[in-house]
Each structure stands twice: as structure tokens, then as C-alpha cells.
């Protein structure tokens, strides 16, 4: 009897071992299949996202087709379409209708931007988003004289930036850019390209502030495709993570991580001074005031000398156009009177219309954006005074022209405090 039980146990042992190995094999196969499925899904999502966002080849095809048919012309057309010396590199697009690529143009490194489809003109009504025109490059029409085109440009700029004593100077500046081959004449294809570009806030600001160090230079254009100066470092923070990891990291943890990966404090101070100078350039510009309606840190970078450079100027809008749009906007609550992330007014409940005065000036928004950036690592002998001035800056209310003296005082005090501390350091 005992011998029979022992024999039965020996017979069952190989079966148990075999069953266990079979279970492990099934478990391994399941997790292998799961890993392959997740990897395939990630690759598919990334590819789909890339093909949707990155359509530079379509943009180039459309622009070059218009150029070869004689519809448009510009300083970059021949290099892009004939000589192939203007290359589209890495895709940086965040929206399908606004293509952004790194690129090279001969010996120049730049950023290539192109408006896709028929998105052309910025309408500061409703949500202040680009509105669709019936046809791209439809203005000026054939037979339009140079004088008539000059009148079109002047009238458009007057509506855009408001009545200015030197508005004719701005019109002449735009016309000089339109003459891409510098032969003293503006052809109809050049005029069509210039008119399309003129609708874009970023290009208009590049023309207005072309002599300012914190605005990227406009290097060339073809139709509504344009090449801007490359910004060496496109993030104020030095930490870049794969997008899949970004999905799983809480925003609070991400902000804390960002603060650890930044330049040394004297260099951050120089970058912050650059932002203060950009605020001055934009608001007290030579051709009217502009409002910075998205002052997030992602819109700024810096060069090798740690001079701040604007990366994205699309949400910098003329104050005159902003006021006109808000005057006609219906509202029920204050939240209806907002454009971008940072430009807001109050709702007049008696009229159900938005007021025209912004709640906070550009300076207050700039101080709020980089407060933690500049305070982290600040020397102990300036930290308390710096923090005090930053909070005074963030407390500014109303437009800058309503409180010009206080605005200028706070801005100059901040610049003086920072320059005094870093002027004798090698990092500055």
C-alpha cells in the first residue's frame, strides 16, 4: 500500500512541474504580448500625432506651386523652390495650421514658419483667433497700382495699431520689407506675399522691433512662409523629458523639477532683465503699444550670451485692436472678457459689454511668470528686497499708461537691483 502511494507521488511530480512550467510560459507570453501591444500603440499614437502636426512638405508644395505660377514672390522663394538651399529640419509644430520647423538657409540657421490652408487673417473679434479668408493670396488684385497698394497698407496699419503720428514711417518700413529683391519696385507677387504676412501679429512685430535685441530677426519670406532668426535655447529650463513621461508627472512635481534645471543665478538675472526690456520695447514701441497676452515661460528662450529672446510672438497684439474688439464683445461674466492666457478686462453688467481697459499691464504678468525662476538661488543679501519688489510688480493693476510713473519706477528699480548685483560677475 505504502509502495503504491510512493509510486503515485513520483508519477504526479513530473506532472506538477510540467503544469507549473506551462503556467509560467503562459504568463510570459501574456506579458510579452501586452508589451508588444503597448509599444505598438505608443508608436501608432506618435506617428499619427506627427503626421497630423508636421505637414511641412504640404506647406512647401503649396508655396512652391504658387511661386512657380507667378502668384507670389519673396526673398526665400528661389532658395526654397529652385535651388533647394532652404531646408526644413526638425518639426516643432504644436498646431496643424501653424507649421514650425528648424531649418538652414545656406550658412544661416533659422526657424521656418508657415500658415497652412487658408488661415490668413487675425480677427480680434469673438475668440480672437485667425479667421478664414475665402482665398489665399487674393489681395492685392491684378491691376492694383503701387500707390493703391501703399494706401491699402497704410489703412490696414491704421486700423491695426491705431492713429499714430509716425504711421507713414511704419508703412514705409513694411513696404521696404515687401521689396524683397531690393530693386526699388514692388511687383504684384511681392505685394501678395507681403499682404499675407502683414496679417500675422508675429511678423508685424518683427518688422516694428527689428532693431531690438530681444526680438528674432525676420530673415526672409515666400508667400506666408517666413524664416526667423534661430533662438539657441528655446526653453528657460534645461530639463526635457519624453512626452510619455510628461503625461504621468503631476504639474506640481514638474514645476519643482523645472526649478532645479536652470542656468546659474547671475545668468537667470540677466535673462529676467531681458524680459523687462522686452516689456519696455513692446509697450513703449515706436509705433504704438502692444499687449502680451501669453507671458508663459515656454514663449521665451535665450542665446549663448544669456540674452532673452522671444520664441513665439503670436499672442502679442496691438492695444488699439484689442480695445476695439473688447468694446464690441458681449459678456455675462468677467470670464467672457479674456484673450489668450493673460489679457483680460471686466464685464460691464449694465451694458453686457466688456470694458476696454486691461486688468493688469505686461509688467505685472512678466513678474508673475518668472517670480519663482528668479527667486530660486538668489543671493541672501538681495533676496528679501527682490521678493518685495516682485510682489509690488505683480500687484500692478490697470494699463501701463494709466499708472505710467509707478510702472516705470518698479521696472527701473528691478533692473537696477539686478544689474548692481551681477555687473561684476563673469556670468553676466
Protein backbone atom coordinates (compact mmCIF):
# COMPACT_ATOMS: atom_id res chain seq x y z
CA UNK A 1 0.00 0.00 0.00
CA UNK A 2 2.77 2.43 1.01
CA UNK A 3 4.79 1.44 -2.04
CA UNK A 4 1.79 2.22 -4.26
CA UNK A 5 1.39 5.69 -2.75
CA UNK A 6 5.09 6.47 -3.26
CA UNK A 7 4.86 5.37 -6.88
CA UNK A 8 1.76 7.58 -7.38
CA UNK A 9 3.59 10.59 -5.85
CA UNK A 10 6.52 10.09 -8.20
CA UNK A 11 4.15 9.92 -11.12
CA UNK A 12 2.39 13.15 -10.06
CA UNK A 13 5.62 15.16 -9.51
CA UNK A 14 6.62 15.49 -13.20
CA UNK A 15 3.00 16.45 -13.99
CA UNK A 16 3.04 19.26 -11.36
CA UNK A 17 6.38 20.51 -12.62
CA UNK A 18 5.08 20.44 -16.19
CA UNK A 19 1.91 22.33 -15.18
CA UNK A 20 3.97 24.94 -13.35
CA UNK A 21 6.23 25.48 -16.39
CA UNK A 22 3.16 25.71 -18.60
CA UNK A 23 1.67 28.38 -16.32
CA UNK A 24 4.93 30.39 -16.36
CA UNK A 25 5.09 30.09 -20.14
CA UNK A 26 1.54 31.40 -20.49
CA UNK A 27 2.29 34.25 -18.08
CA UNK A 28 5.44 35.15 -20.02
CA UNK A 29 3.59 35.04 -23.33
CA UNK A 30 0.78 37.21 -21.95
CA UNK A 31 3.12 39.93 -20.67
CA UNK A 32 5.20 39.76 -23.86
CA UNK A 33 2.05 40.24 -25.92
CA UNK A 34 0.96 43.10 -23.64
CA UNK A 35 4.36 44.81 -24.01
CA UNK A 36 4.22 44.46 -27.80
CA UNK A 37 0.66 45.84 -27.85
CA UNK A 38 1.53 48.88 -25.70
CA UNK A 39 4.69 49.57 -27.72
CA UNK A 40 2.75 49.35 -30.96
CA UNK A 41 0.07 51.67 -29.59
CA UNK A 42 2.68 54.22 -28.49
CA UNK A 43 4.37 54.10 -31.91
CA UNK A 44 1.00 54.46 -33.65
CA UNK A 45 -0.05 57.42 -31.49
CA UNK A 46 3.28 59.15 -32.01
CA UNK A 47 3.19 58.55 -35.76
CA UNK A 48 -0.42 59.74 -36.03
CA UNK A 49 0.36 62.82 -33.98
CA UNK A 50 3.45 63.55 -36.06
CA UNK A 51 1.70 63.17 -39.41
CA UNK A 52 -1.16 65.39 -38.22
CA UNK A 53 1.02 68.13 -36.76
CA UNK A 54 4.02 68.02 -39.10
CA UNK A 55 2.91 68.86 -42.62
CA UNK A 56 5.88 70.86 -43.81
CA UNK A 57 6.04 69.01 -47.13
CA UNK A 58 2.46 70.09 -47.87
CA UNK A 59 3.28 73.68 -46.99
CA UNK A 60 6.35 73.68 -49.22
CA UNK A 61 4.42 72.11 -52.09
CA UNK A 62 1.66 74.74 -51.87
CA UNK A 63 4.06 77.68 -51.59
CA UNK A 64 6.29 76.50 -54.44
CA UNK A 65 3.29 75.84 -56.67
CA UNK A 66 2.13 79.45 -56.13
CA UNK A 67 5.66 80.74 -56.71
CA UNK A 68 6.15 78.83 -59.98
CA UNK A 69 2.79 80.09 -61.26
CA UNK A 70 3.90 83.66 -60.54
CA UNK A 71 1.30 84.30 -57.82
CA UNK A 72 3.78 85.07 -55.03
CA UNK A 73 7.43 86.02 -54.68
CA UNK A 74 9.88 86.76 -51.89
CA UNK A 75 13.49 86.64 -50.81
CA UNK A 76 13.27 82.96 -49.81
CA UNK A 77 11.30 81.63 -52.80
CA UNK A 78 14.20 80.76 -55.09
CA UNK A 79 16.16 79.05 -52.31
CA UNK A 80 13.11 77.06 -51.20
CA UNK A 81 11.73 76.03 -54.58
CA UNK A 82 14.53 76.23 -57.19
CA UNK A 83 17.92 75.88 -55.51
CA UNK A 84 16.83 73.69 -52.57
CA UNK A 85 19.20 75.58 -50.26
CA UNK A 86 16.45 76.31 -47.72
CA UNK A 87 15.91 73.07 -45.79
CA UNK A 88 13.14 72.15 -43.36
CA UNK A 89 14.68 70.30 -40.42
CA UNK A 90 13.10 69.18 -37.14
CA UNK A 91 9.35 69.65 -36.75
CA UNK A 92 8.35 71.87 -33.79
CA UNK A 93 4.67 72.34 -34.69
CA UNK A 94 2.07 72.36 -31.94
CA UNK A 95 -0.92 73.02 -34.23
CA UNK A 96 -1.60 71.63 -37.72
CA UNK A 97 -2.37 75.04 -39.24
CA UNK A 98 0.80 76.64 -37.90
CA UNK A 99 3.83 74.74 -39.16
CA UNK A 100 7.11 75.37 -37.33
CA UNK A 101 10.45 73.77 -38.28
CA UNK A 102 14.09 74.29 -37.55
CA UNK A 103 15.90 74.95 -40.77
CA UNK A 104 19.05 76.02 -42.53
CA UNK A 105 19.40 78.56 -45.31
CA UNK A 106 22.88 78.36 -46.71
CA UNK A 107 25.13 79.28 -43.78
CA UNK A 108 22.21 80.63 -41.72
CA UNK A 109 20.37 78.67 -39.05
CA UNK A 110 16.76 79.70 -38.60
CA UNK A 111 13.20 78.76 -37.73
CA UNK A 112 10.77 78.30 -40.61
CA UNK A 113 7.09 79.07 -40.01
CA UNK A 114 4.22 78.57 -42.40
CA UNK A 115 0.47 79.10 -42.18
CA UNK A 116 -1.36 76.10 -43.64
CA UNK A 117 -4.51 76.17 -45.74
CA UNK A 118 -6.48 79.38 -45.93
CA UNK A 119 -5.84 80.54 -42.37
CA UNK A 120 -4.63 84.01 -43.01
CA UNK A 121 -6.09 86.95 -41.21
CA UNK A 122 -6.23 87.54 -37.47
CA UNK A 123 -9.65 88.68 -36.38
CA UNK A 124 -9.72 90.23 -32.91
CA UNK A 125 -13.41 89.63 -32.51
CA UNK A 126 -15.03 86.62 -30.90
CA UNK A 127 -12.19 84.42 -29.65
CA UNK A 128 -9.54 86.49 -31.38
CA UNK A 129 -8.45 83.52 -33.43
CA UNK A 130 -7.33 83.53 -37.05
CA UNK A 131 -10.36 83.74 -39.33
CA UNK A 132 -10.55 82.03 -42.69
CA UNK A 133 -10.42 84.06 -45.83
CA UNK A 134 -12.16 82.89 -48.99
CA UNK A 135 -8.91 82.58 -50.89
CA UNK A 136 -5.24 82.74 -50.02
CA UNK A 137 -3.11 85.43 -51.73
CA UNK A 138 -6.19 87.11 -53.21
CA UNK A 139 -5.01 90.64 -52.36
CA UNK A 140 -3.95 92.91 -53.91
CA UNK A 141 -5.75 92.04 -57.12
CA UNK A 142 -4.29 92.25 -60.61
CA UNK A 143 -4.21 95.83 -61.85
CA UNK A 144 -3.65 97.34 -58.40
CA UNK A 145 -1.14 100.16 -58.68
CA UNK A 146 1.79 100.59 -56.31
CA UNK A 147 0.17 103.76 -54.96
CA UNK A 148 -3.07 101.90 -54.29
CA UNK A 149 -1.14 99.15 -52.50
CA UNK A 150 0.57 101.76 -50.33
CA UNK A 151 -2.86 103.13 -49.40
CA UNK A 152 -4.03 99.60 -48.53
CA UNK A 153 -1.05 99.09 -46.25
CA UNK A 154 -1.49 102.49 -44.58
CA UNK A 155 -5.23 101.94 -43.94
CA UNK A 156 -4.65 98.45 -42.60
CA UNK A 157 -1.92 99.60 -40.19
CA UNK A 158 -4.10 102.48 -39.00
CA UNK A 159 -6.86 100.01 -38.11
CA UNK A 160 -4.36 97.65 -36.52
CA UNK A 161 -2.18 99.90 -34.34
CA UNK A 162 -4.36 103.00 -34.14
CA UNK A 163 -3.74 106.59 -35.11
CA UNK A 164 0.00 107.32 -34.84
CA UNK A 165 1.90 110.49 -35.72
CA UNK A 166 4.54 108.42 -37.50
CA UNK A 167 2.23 105.87 -39.12
CA UNK A 168 3.63 106.68 -42.56
CA UNK A 169 7.09 105.66 -41.33
CA UNK A 170 5.70 102.26 -40.34
CA UNK A 171 4.03 101.90 -43.74
CA UNK A 172 7.35 102.70 -45.44
CA UNK A 173 9.06 100.10 -43.25
CA UNK A 174 6.56 97.44 -44.35
CA UNK A 175 6.96 98.44 -48.00
CA UNK A 176 10.75 98.16 -47.74
CA UNK A 177 10.33 94.58 -46.49
CA UNK A 178 7.88 93.86 -49.33
CA UNK A 179 10.56 94.84 -51.87
CA UNK A 180 12.33 91.51 -51.34
CA UNK A 181 14.90 91.84 -54.14
CA UNK A 182 15.64 95.49 -53.24
CA UNK A 183 15.25 96.74 -56.82
CA UNK A 184 13.19 99.75 -55.75
CA UNK A 185 9.94 98.32 -57.16
CA UNK A 186 7.22 96.15 -55.59
CA UNK A 187 5.86 93.57 -58.03
CA UNK A 188 2.37 92.11 -57.68
CA UNK A 189 3.71 88.71 -56.45
CA UNK A 190 5.83 90.52 -53.83
CA UNK A 191 2.80 92.57 -52.76
CA UNK A 192 0.66 89.42 -52.36
CA UNK A 193 3.30 87.83 -50.13
CA UNK A 194 3.71 90.99 -48.06
CA UNK A 195 -0.05 91.39 -47.61
CA UNK A 196 -0.42 87.79 -46.41
CA UNK A 197 2.42 88.23 -43.91
CA UNK A 198 1.08 91.55 -42.69
CA UNK A 199 -1.97 89.79 -41.25
CA UNK A 200 0.25 87.89 -38.78
CA UNK A 201 0.93 89.61 -35.47
CA UNK A 202 4.33 87.97 -35.11
CA UNK A 203 5.62 89.22 -38.47
CA UNK A 204 4.29 92.74 -37.87
CA UNK A 205 6.08 92.84 -34.52
CA UNK A 206 9.32 91.54 -36.07
CA UNK A 207 9.19 94.40 -38.57
CA UNK A 208 8.41 97.01 -35.90
CA UNK A 209 11.07 95.77 -33.46
CA UNK A 210 13.68 94.67 -35.99
CA UNK A 211 16.38 96.75 -34.29
CA UNK A 212 15.65 95.41 -30.79
CA UNK A 213 17.83 92.65 -29.38
CA UNK A 214 15.08 90.58 -27.75
CA UNK A 215 13.02 90.03 -30.91
CA UNK A 216 14.14 87.44 -33.50
CA UNK A 217 15.05 88.96 -36.88
CA UNK A 218 12.95 88.30 -39.97
CA UNK A 219 15.43 86.71 -42.38
CA UNK A 220 13.23 86.15 -45.42
CA UNK A 221 9.86 85.01 -46.74
CA UNK A 222 7.95 83.40 -49.59
CA UNK A 223 4.20 83.85 -49.53
CA UNK A 224 3.08 83.35 -45.93
CA UNK A 225 6.09 81.17 -45.17
CA UNK A 226 8.82 83.09 -43.36
CA UNK A 227 12.23 82.43 -41.88
CA UNK A 228 13.10 83.90 -38.48
CA UNK A 229 16.36 84.04 -36.57
CA UNK A 230 17.02 80.86 -34.62
CA UNK A 231 16.94 81.10 -30.82
CA UNK A 232 19.76 78.95 -29.45
CA UNK A 233 17.97 77.80 -26.28
CA UNK A 234 14.19 77.65 -26.70
CA UNK A 235 13.43 76.89 -23.05
CA UNK A 236 14.30 78.82 -19.90
CA UNK A 237 14.59 75.45 -18.16
CA UNK A 238 17.13 72.81 -19.06
CA UNK A 239 15.13 69.64 -18.46
CA UNK A 240 13.47 67.95 -21.44
CA UNK A 241 11.52 64.72 -20.90
CA UNK A 242 9.91 62.32 -23.38
CA UNK A 243 6.26 63.16 -23.92
CA UNK A 244 5.14 59.80 -22.46
CA UNK A 245 6.82 60.62 -19.14
CA UNK A 246 5.29 64.10 -19.18
CA UNK A 247 1.82 62.52 -19.12
CA UNK A 248 2.50 60.78 -15.81
CA UNK A 249 4.27 63.56 -13.91
CA UNK A 250 1.94 65.82 -11.85
CA UNK A 251 2.15 69.51 -12.80
CA UNK A 252 3.32 70.50 -9.30
CA UNK A 253 6.17 67.98 -9.41
CA UNK A 254 7.05 69.12 -12.94
CA UNK A 255 7.32 72.76 -11.81
CA UNK A 256 9.60 71.74 -8.94
CA UNK A 257 11.80 69.75 -11.32
CA UNK A 258 11.99 72.72 -13.70
CA UNK A 259 13.37 74.97 -10.99
CA UNK A 260 16.31 72.63 -10.42
CA UNK A 261 17.45 72.63 -14.07
CA UNK A 262 18.14 76.30 -14.80
CA UNK A 263 21.23 78.44 -15.52
CA UNK A 264 23.22 79.95 -12.63
CA UNK A 265 21.50 82.79 -10.77
CA UNK A 266 23.52 85.67 -12.35
CA UNK A 267 22.58 84.30 -15.78
CA UNK A 268 18.93 83.98 -14.77
CA UNK A 269 19.08 87.58 -13.57
CA UNK A 270 20.35 88.67 -16.99
CA UNK A 271 17.56 86.71 -18.70
CA UNK A 272 14.99 88.35 -16.43
CA UNK A 273 16.39 91.81 -17.19
CA UNK A 274 15.94 90.93 -20.86
CA UNK A 275 12.26 90.20 -20.24
CA UNK A 276 11.87 93.58 -18.52
CA UNK A 277 13.49 95.25 -21.53
CA UNK A 278 11.18 93.36 -23.89
CA UNK A 279 8.21 94.66 -21.89
CA UNK A 280 9.53 98.18 -22.48
CA UNK A 281 10.09 97.54 -26.19
CA UNK A 282 6.61 96.11 -26.70
CA UNK A 283 4.58 98.63 -24.75
CA UNK A 284 6.52 101.79 -25.42
CA UNK A 285 7.34 100.90 -29.00
CA UNK A 286 7.91 103.38 -31.82
CA UNK A 287 4.56 102.57 -33.48
CA UNK A 288 2.01 102.13 -30.71
CA UNK A 289 1.53 99.87 -27.74
CA UNK A 290 1.20 96.09 -27.80
CA UNK A 291 -0.23 93.75 -25.16
CA UNK A 292 1.48 90.49 -24.22
CA UNK A 293 -1.43 88.08 -23.95
CA UNK A 294 0.53 84.91 -23.26
CA UNK A 295 3.52 85.51 -21.00
CA UNK A 296 4.19 81.84 -20.25
CA UNK A 297 7.81 80.77 -19.86
CA UNK A 298 7.52 78.49 -22.91
CA UNK A 299 7.35 81.56 -25.17
CA UNK A 300 10.86 82.70 -24.27
CA UNK A 301 14.40 81.43 -24.72
CA UNK A 302 17.90 82.86 -24.73
CA UNK A 303 21.13 82.89 -26.70
CA UNK A 304 24.68 81.88 -25.76
CA UNK A 305 25.21 85.22 -24.00
CA UNK A 306 22.04 84.63 -21.96
CA UNK A 307 20.20 87.50 -23.62
CA UNK A 308 16.47 86.79 -23.60
CA UNK A 309 14.83 86.12 -26.97
CA UNK A 310 11.12 85.81 -27.70
CA UNK A 311 10.29 82.44 -29.24
CA UNK A 312 6.60 82.95 -30.02
CA UNK A 313 5.06 86.40 -30.55
CA UNK A 314 1.69 85.34 -31.98
CA UNK A 315 -0.18 86.38 -28.83
CA UNK A 316 1.33 89.86 -28.71
CA UNK A 317 -1.48 92.04 -30.07
CA UNK A 318 -1.82 95.77 -30.77
CA UNK A 319 -3.56 97.53 -27.87
CA UNK A 320 -5.73 99.55 -30.26
CA UNK A 321 -7.08 96.39 -31.94
CA UNK A 322 -7.60 94.72 -28.55
CA UNK A 323 -9.61 97.66 -27.21
CA UNK A 324 -11.76 97.81 -30.34
CA UNK A 325 -12.50 94.09 -30.16
CA UNK A 326 -13.39 94.20 -26.45
CA UNK A 327 -15.66 97.17 -26.96
CA UNK A 328 -17.92 95.05 -29.18
CA UNK A 329 -17.75 91.81 -27.21
CA UNK A 330 -20.90 90.63 -25.39
CA UNK A 331 -20.40 89.25 -21.87
CA UNK A 332 -22.27 87.86 -18.86
CA UNK A 333 -19.29 87.37 -16.55
CA UNK A 334 -15.68 88.59 -16.42
CA UNK A 335 -14.51 85.25 -17.83
CA UNK A 336 -16.09 86.22 -21.16
CA UNK A 337 -13.63 89.11 -21.48
CA UNK A 338 -10.40 87.13 -21.84
CA UNK A 339 -7.98 86.69 -24.73
CA UNK A 340 -5.09 84.26 -24.58
CA UNK A 341 -3.85 83.34 -21.15
CA UNK A 342 -3.13 86.80 -19.78
CA UNK A 343 -5.21 89.60 -21.37
CA UNK A 344 -8.47 90.19 -19.56
CA UNK A 345 -10.88 93.04 -18.87
CA UNK A 346 -14.00 93.26 -16.70
CA UNK A 347 -17.61 92.79 -17.77
CA UNK A 348 -19.90 95.81 -17.51
CA UNK A 349 -23.10 94.06 -16.39
CA UNK A 350 -25.26 97.11 -17.06
CA UNK A 351 -24.33 97.12 -20.76
CA UNK A 352 -23.44 93.44 -21.12
CA UNK A 353 -20.23 94.53 -22.82
CA UNK A 354 -16.58 94.05 -21.96
CA UNK A 355 -14.65 97.10 -20.82
CA UNK A 356 -11.65 98.13 -22.89
CA UNK A 357 -9.04 98.50 -20.12
CA UNK A 358 -6.84 95.51 -19.32
CA UNK A 359 -6.81 94.46 -15.68
CA UNK A 360 -3.03 94.02 -15.49
CA UNK A 361 -0.18 95.54 -17.52
CA UNK A 362 2.51 93.50 -19.28
CA UNK A 363 4.99 94.12 -16.48
CA UNK A 364 2.83 92.51 -13.77
CA UNK A 365 2.35 89.41 -15.93
CA UNK A 366 6.10 89.16 -16.64
CA UNK A 367 6.93 89.36 -12.92
CA UNK A 368 4.36 86.68 -12.08
CA UNK A 369 5.69 84.31 -14.76
CA UNK A 370 9.35 84.42 -13.64
CA UNK A 371 8.98 85.08 -9.90
CA UNK A 372 9.98 81.56 -8.81
CA UNK A 373 12.58 81.39 -11.59
CA UNK A 374 14.48 84.46 -10.35
CA UNK A 375 13.98 83.92 -6.60
CA UNK A 376 15.40 80.39 -6.56
CA UNK A 377 19.11 80.62 -5.84
CA UNK A 378 19.03 84.39 -5.28
CA UNK A 379 21.86 85.65 -3.01
CA UNK A 380 20.74 86.23 0.57
CA UNK A 381 21.72 89.91 0.52
CA UNK A 382 19.26 90.73 -2.28
CA UNK A 383 16.56 88.08 -1.90
CA UNK A 384 14.36 89.97 0.57
CA UNK A 385 14.42 93.22 -1.44
CA UNK A 386 13.97 91.34 -4.71
CA UNK A 387 10.95 89.46 -3.39
CA UNK A 388 9.42 92.70 -2.10
CA UNK A 389 9.82 94.40 -5.48
CA UNK A 390 8.45 91.39 -7.35
CA UNK A 391 5.28 91.37 -5.25
CA UNK A 392 4.88 95.12 -5.82
CA UNK A 393 5.26 94.44 -9.53
CA UNK A 394 2.64 91.66 -9.54
CA UNK A 395 0.21 93.93 -7.68
CA UNK A 396 0.11 96.46 -10.53
CA UNK A 397 -3.42 96.98 -11.86
CA UNK A 398 -4.78 98.76 -14.90
CA UNK A 399 -2.95 99.60 -18.10
CA UNK A 400 0.58 100.99 -18.02
CA UNK A 401 -0.42 104.36 -19.45
CA UNK A 402 -2.88 104.86 -16.57
CA UNK A 403 -0.13 104.44 -13.97
CA UNK A 404 2.93 105.20 -16.04
CA UNK A 405 5.02 106.67 -13.23
CA UNK A 406 4.54 103.72 -10.85
CA UNK A 407 5.05 101.27 -13.71
CA UNK A 408 8.33 102.89 -14.77
CA UNK A 409 9.54 103.18 -11.16
CA UNK A 410 9.04 99.49 -10.40
CA UNK A 411 10.58 98.40 -13.70
CA UNK A 412 13.66 100.59 -13.23
CA UNK A 413 14.07 99.54 -9.58
CA UNK A 414 14.07 95.87 -10.56
CA UNK A 415 16.60 96.40 -13.34
CA UNK A 416 18.87 98.48 -11.10
CA UNK A 417 18.77 95.94 -8.26
CA UNK A 418 19.67 93.04 -10.56
CA UNK A 419 22.31 94.85 -12.61
CA UNK A 420 24.00 96.11 -9.46
CA UNK A 421 24.32 92.55 -8.18
CA UNK A 422 25.56 90.88 -11.36
CA UNK A 423 27.52 93.66 -13.09
CA UNK A 424 30.87 92.45 -11.73
CA UNK A 425 30.33 88.72 -12.24
CA UNK A 426 31.69 86.73 -15.17
CA UNK A 427 28.33 85.02 -15.68
CA UNK A 428 26.65 88.32 -16.54
